[in-house]
Amino acid sequence: MHRIIFNLFAFSFLHCVALTAQDDVKNVNAAVSVPAKDQSGREFGTWVGKKINEKLEGECKLISNEGRVLAVEKYVDGKMHGTRLSYYRNGNIFEEASYVKGQRHGLVKRYYPNGSVAKQVIFVRDKVHGEVRKFYQNGKVCVEGMLEMGIPVGNFATYLDTGELVQVEDHKDGKILDKKVHAEPTPEQREKIRKVDEFSIVNENDIWGLSSKVESVEPSAHQE
């Protein structure tokens, strides 16, 4: 079964503020500068923004030690609200996500390093609800199906990068009831499907070089 939902990990400004004990974070109506650290404690950038009445407000940016913008968030009354963008170090968009009062709500799109869409889903109150699509780098659909509040329902179809149907799985309450195979992929085609599936769980740790998932972040050229 394919890994259907996004990895929800994100280096949000709010998360960094909650973890830090810096005095300037406690200031009222003040600019805020908070170091961003990886899981080993190594500082790789800085969140900059502002607080009004001790709550984050307006646009906040994560800037790398090299001066590159890695993420942009918008806050209203201390909660993320609006479009959150995160970027590869080359400046291309990694993920574009809609937030409402601190929760993912609306369209979320993820992109490959070359700029093509990798995956798109609809969130409702932090859960996937609606159509899910994963794509090859050539723009062809790899997997498509439906989820209801995070649970797979109905048919999930898998395709080759040529558009040929591979299989259809019928789901109910998150369980596979039936599977119909329409084509048998070659080993090379299976590898392409695996790459698409694997990329769907890549997170910002990976694309910013803070973990070892280099293969997942940079899909090979034969996926085109």
Protein backbone atom coordinates (compact mmCIF):
# COMPACT_ATOMS: atom_id res chain seq x y z
CA MET A 1 0.00 0.00 0.00
CA HIS A 2 1.30 3.46 -0.87
CA ARG A 3 2.23 5.98 1.78
CA ILE A 4 -0.63 8.35 1.18
CA ILE A 5 -0.33 11.42 3.40
CA PHE A 6 2.34 14.06 3.73
CA ASN A 7 4.99 13.99 6.39
CA LEU A 8 3.71 16.82 8.61
CA PHE A 9 7.13 17.78 10.00
CA ALA A 10 7.93 21.47 9.61
CA PHE A 11 10.46 23.81 11.23
CA SER A 12 7.81 26.37 12.16
CA PHE A 13 8.70 29.65 13.82
CA LEU A 14 6.14 28.96 16.54
CA HIS A 15 7.85 25.63 17.34
CA CYS A 16 11.27 27.29 17.62
CA VAL A 17 9.88 30.05 19.85
CA ALA A 18 8.34 27.44 22.15
CA LEU A 19 11.68 25.64 22.53
CA THR A 20 13.91 28.67 23.09
CA ALA A 21 14.50 30.47 26.38
CA GLN A 22 15.84 33.68 24.82
CA ASP A 23 14.84 36.85 26.63
CA ASP A 24 13.99 38.73 23.40
CA VAL A 25 11.22 36.26 22.65
CA LYS A 26 9.39 37.45 25.75
CA ASN A 27 9.37 41.11 24.70
CA VAL A 28 6.08 42.83 23.88
CA ASN A 29 5.73 44.60 20.47
CA ALA A 30 9.26 43.65 19.52
CA ALA A 31 11.25 42.14 16.69
CA VAL A 32 12.03 38.49 17.28
CA SER A 33 15.13 36.59 16.22
CA VAL A 34 15.28 32.90 17.13
CA PRO A 35 18.01 30.40 16.14
CA ALA A 36 16.83 27.34 14.20
CA LYS A 37 18.62 24.14 15.16
CA ASP A 38 18.61 20.62 13.76
CA GLN A 39 17.98 17.54 15.89
CA SER A 40 21.65 17.39 16.92
CA GLY A 41 21.50 20.96 18.22
CA ARG A 42 23.50 22.47 15.34
CA GLU A 43 22.30 25.94 14.36
CA PHE A 44 21.56 26.15 10.62
CA GLY A 45 19.62 29.40 10.40
CA THR A 46 17.55 32.08 12.11
CA TRP A 47 13.83 32.80 12.31
CA VAL A 48 13.05 36.52 12.12
CA GLY A 49 9.69 38.15 12.70
CA LYS A 50 7.81 40.20 15.25
CA LYS A 51 5.52 39.85 18.23
CA ILE A 52 2.60 42.08 19.19
CA ASN A 53 1.25 41.71 22.70
CA GLU A 54 3.51 38.66 23.15
CA LYS A 55 2.03 36.87 20.10
CA LEU A 56 3.64 36.29 16.71
CA GLU A 57 2.14 38.57 14.08
CA GLY A 58 2.65 39.11 10.36
CA GLU A 59 5.31 37.58 8.12
CA CYS A 60 8.12 35.48 9.58
CA LYS A 61 11.10 34.11 7.66
CA LEU A 62 13.62 31.34 8.23
CA ILE A 63 16.98 32.46 6.83
CA SER A 64 19.89 30.05 6.51
CA ASN A 65 23.39 30.78 7.75
CA GLU A 66 24.27 31.46 4.11
CA GLY A 67 21.55 34.09 3.81
CA ARG A 68 19.02 32.04 1.82
CA VAL A 69 15.30 32.15 2.64
CA LEU A 70 14.24 28.61 3.60
CA ALA A 71 10.66 29.26 4.74
CA VAL A 72 8.07 32.03 4.97
CA GLU A 73 5.12 31.91 7.36
CA LYS A 74 2.27 34.29 8.20
CA TYR A 75 0.80 34.69 11.67
CA VAL A 76 -2.38 36.24 13.00
CA ASP A 77 -2.84 36.54 16.76
CA GLY A 78 -0.07 34.00 17.44
CA LYS A 79 -1.34 31.32 15.03
CA MET A 80 -0.11 30.44 11.56
CA HIS A 81 -2.70 31.76 9.10
CA GLY A 82 -2.30 31.99 5.34
CA THR A 83 0.13 30.38 2.92
CA ARG A 84 3.30 28.79 4.28
CA LEU A 85 6.14 28.38 1.78
CA SER A 86 9.30 26.34 2.24
CA TYR A 87 12.16 26.28 -0.24
CA TYR A 88 15.01 24.14 -1.44
CA ARG A 89 18.43 25.67 -0.96
CA ASN A 90 18.47 26.40 -4.71
CA GLY A 91 15.51 28.75 -4.22
CA ASN A 92 12.82 26.53 -5.77
CA ILE A 93 9.64 25.94 -3.78
CA PHE A 94 9.50 22.65 -1.85
CA GLU A 95 6.02 22.98 -0.33
CA GLU A 96 3.11 25.39 -0.50
CA ALA A 97 0.58 24.88 2.29
CA SER A 98 -2.57 26.70 3.34
CA TYR A 99 -3.11 27.30 7.09
CA VAL A 100 -6.17 28.56 8.96
CA LYS A 101 -5.78 29.45 12.64
CA GLY A 102 -2.78 27.18 13.14
CA GLN A 103 -4.02 24.14 11.20
CA ARG A 104 -3.42 22.94 7.66
CA HIS A 105 -6.64 23.67 5.87
CA GLY A 106 -6.97 23.77 2.10
CA LEU A 107 -4.64 22.84 -0.74
CA VAL A 108 -1.11 21.60 -0.01
CA LYS A 109 1.31 21.12 -2.90
CA ARG A 110 4.80 19.65 -2.85
CA TYR A 111 7.36 20.08 -5.61
CA TYR A 112 10.40 18.25 -6.94
CA PRO A 113 13.74 20.11 -7.04
CA ASN A 114 13.19 20.74 -10.78
CA GLY A 115 9.95 22.65 -10.02
CA SER A 116 7.41 20.07 -11.20
CA VAL A 117 4.54 19.11 -8.86
CA ALA A 118 5.25 15.96 -6.82
CA LYS A 119 2.05 15.72 -4.80
CA GLN A 120 -1.11 17.62 -4.00
CA VAL A 121 -3.78 17.01 -1.37
CA ILE A 122 -6.58 18.83 0.41
CA PHE A 123 -6.43 19.24 4.18
CA VAL A 124 -9.38 19.92 6.48
CA ARG A 125 -8.43 20.83 10.05
CA ASP A 126 -4.99 19.15 9.80
CA LYS A 127 -6.29 15.94 8.20
CA VAL A 128 -6.22 14.91 4.54
CA HIS A 129 -9.77 15.07 3.22
CA GLY A 130 -10.41 14.79 -0.50
CA GLU A 131 -8.46 13.83 -3.59
CA VAL A 132 -4.79 12.84 -3.32
CA ARG A 133 -2.46 12.85 -6.32
CA LYS A 134 1.20 11.93 -6.62
CA PHE A 135 3.11 12.68 -9.81
CA TYR A 136 6.17 11.61 -11.75
CA GLN A 137 8.64 14.35 -12.62
CA ASN A 138 7.35 14.30 -16.22
CA GLY A 139 3.95 15.47 -14.94
CA LYS A 140 2.12 12.16 -15.35
CA VAL A 141 -0.02 10.93 -12.43
CA CYS A 142 1.54 8.05 -10.46
CA VAL A 143 -1.15 7.52 -7.81
CA GLU A 144 -4.58 9.04 -7.28
CA GLY A 145 -7.38 8.35 -4.81
CA MET A 146 -9.58 9.76 -2.05
CA LEU A 147 -9.28 10.12 1.72
CA GLU A 148 -11.93 11.06 4.26
CA MET A 149 -10.40 12.71 7.31
CA GLY A 150 -7.16 10.82 6.77
CA ILE A 151 -8.73 7.43 5.96
CA PRO A 152 -8.41 5.92 2.43
CA VAL A 153 -11.79 5.28 0.81
CA GLY A 154 -12.81 4.01 -2.61
CA ASN A 155 -10.38 3.33 -5.43
CA PHE A 156 -6.67 4.14 -5.48
CA ALA A 157 -5.17 3.83 -8.94
CA THR A 158 -1.47 3.45 -9.78
CA TYR A 159 -0.06 4.33 -13.21
CA LEU A 160 3.20 4.02 -15.12
CA ASP A 161 4.99 7.22 -16.16
CA THR A 162 3.57 6.59 -19.65
CA GLY A 163 0.00 6.90 -18.32
CA GLU A 164 -0.77 3.16 -18.49
CA LEU A 165 -2.90 1.85 -15.61
CA VAL A 166 -1.03 -0.62 -13.35
CA GLN A 167 -3.52 -1.49 -10.63
CA VAL A 168 -6.60 -0.34 -8.73
CA GLU A 169 -7.07 -0.94 -5.00
CA ASP A 170 -10.54 -0.64 -3.46
CA HIS A 171 -10.52 0.74 0.11
CA LYS A 172 -13.06 0.91 2.90
CA ASP A 173 -12.35 2.30 6.37
CA GLY A 174 -8.66 2.34 5.56
CA LYS A 175 -8.49 -1.33 4.56
CA ILE A 176 -7.93 -2.84 1.10
CA LEU A 177 -11.00 -4.84 0.05
CA ASP A 178 -9.90 -5.74 -3.45
CA LYS A 179 -7.02 -5.21 -5.89
CA LYS A 180 -7.15 -5.52 -9.66
CA VAL A 181 -3.88 -5.69 -11.57
CA HIS A 182 -4.00 -4.34 -15.13
CA ALA A 183 -0.29 -4.38 -16.01
CA GLU A 184 2.90 -5.85 -14.60
CA PRO A 185 5.62 -3.18 -14.22
CA THR A 186 9.19 -3.96 -15.19
CA PRO A 187 11.88 -3.68 -12.45
CA GLU A 188 12.79 -0.23 -13.80
CA GLN A 189 9.16 0.89 -13.71
CA ARG A 190 8.75 -0.42 -10.16
CA GLU A 191 11.77 1.63 -9.15
CA LYS A 192 10.20 4.77 -10.61
CA ILE A 193 7.00 4.12 -8.64
CA ARG A 194 9.04 3.53 -5.49
CA LYS A 195 10.88 6.83 -5.97
CA VAL A 196 7.62 8.75 -6.22
CA ASP A 197 6.27 6.99 -3.13
CA GLU A 198 9.47 7.61 -1.18
CA PHE A 199 9.56 11.29 -2.04
CA SER A 200 6.12 11.79 -0.48
CA ILE A 201 7.56 11.31 3.03
CA VAL A 202 10.57 13.60 2.57
CA ASN A 203 10.53 16.50 5.01
CA GLU A 204 12.39 19.78 5.54
CA ASN A 205 15.14 18.02 7.48
CA ASP A 206 15.95 16.19 4.27
CA ILE A 207 15.76 18.98 1.71
CA TRP A 208 17.91 21.30 3.82
CA GLY A 209 20.62 18.68 4.21
CA LEU A 210 19.95 18.05 7.91
CA SER A 211 19.51 14.27 7.47
CA SER A 212 20.87 11.48 5.30
CA LYS A 213 17.94 11.08 2.82
CA VAL A 214 19.93 12.45 -0.10
CA GLU A 215 18.55 9.87 -2.54
CA SER A 216 14.97 10.79 -1.70
CA VAL A 217 15.54 14.52 -2.14
CA GLU A 218 17.30 14.29 -5.49
CA PRO A 219 15.35 11.76 -7.62
CA SER A 220 17.44 10.31 -10.41
CA ALA A 221 17.22 11.61 -13.97
CA HIS A 222 15.63 8.42 -15.33
CA GLN A 223 12.39 9.39 -13.57
CA GLU A 224 11.79 12.08 -16.16
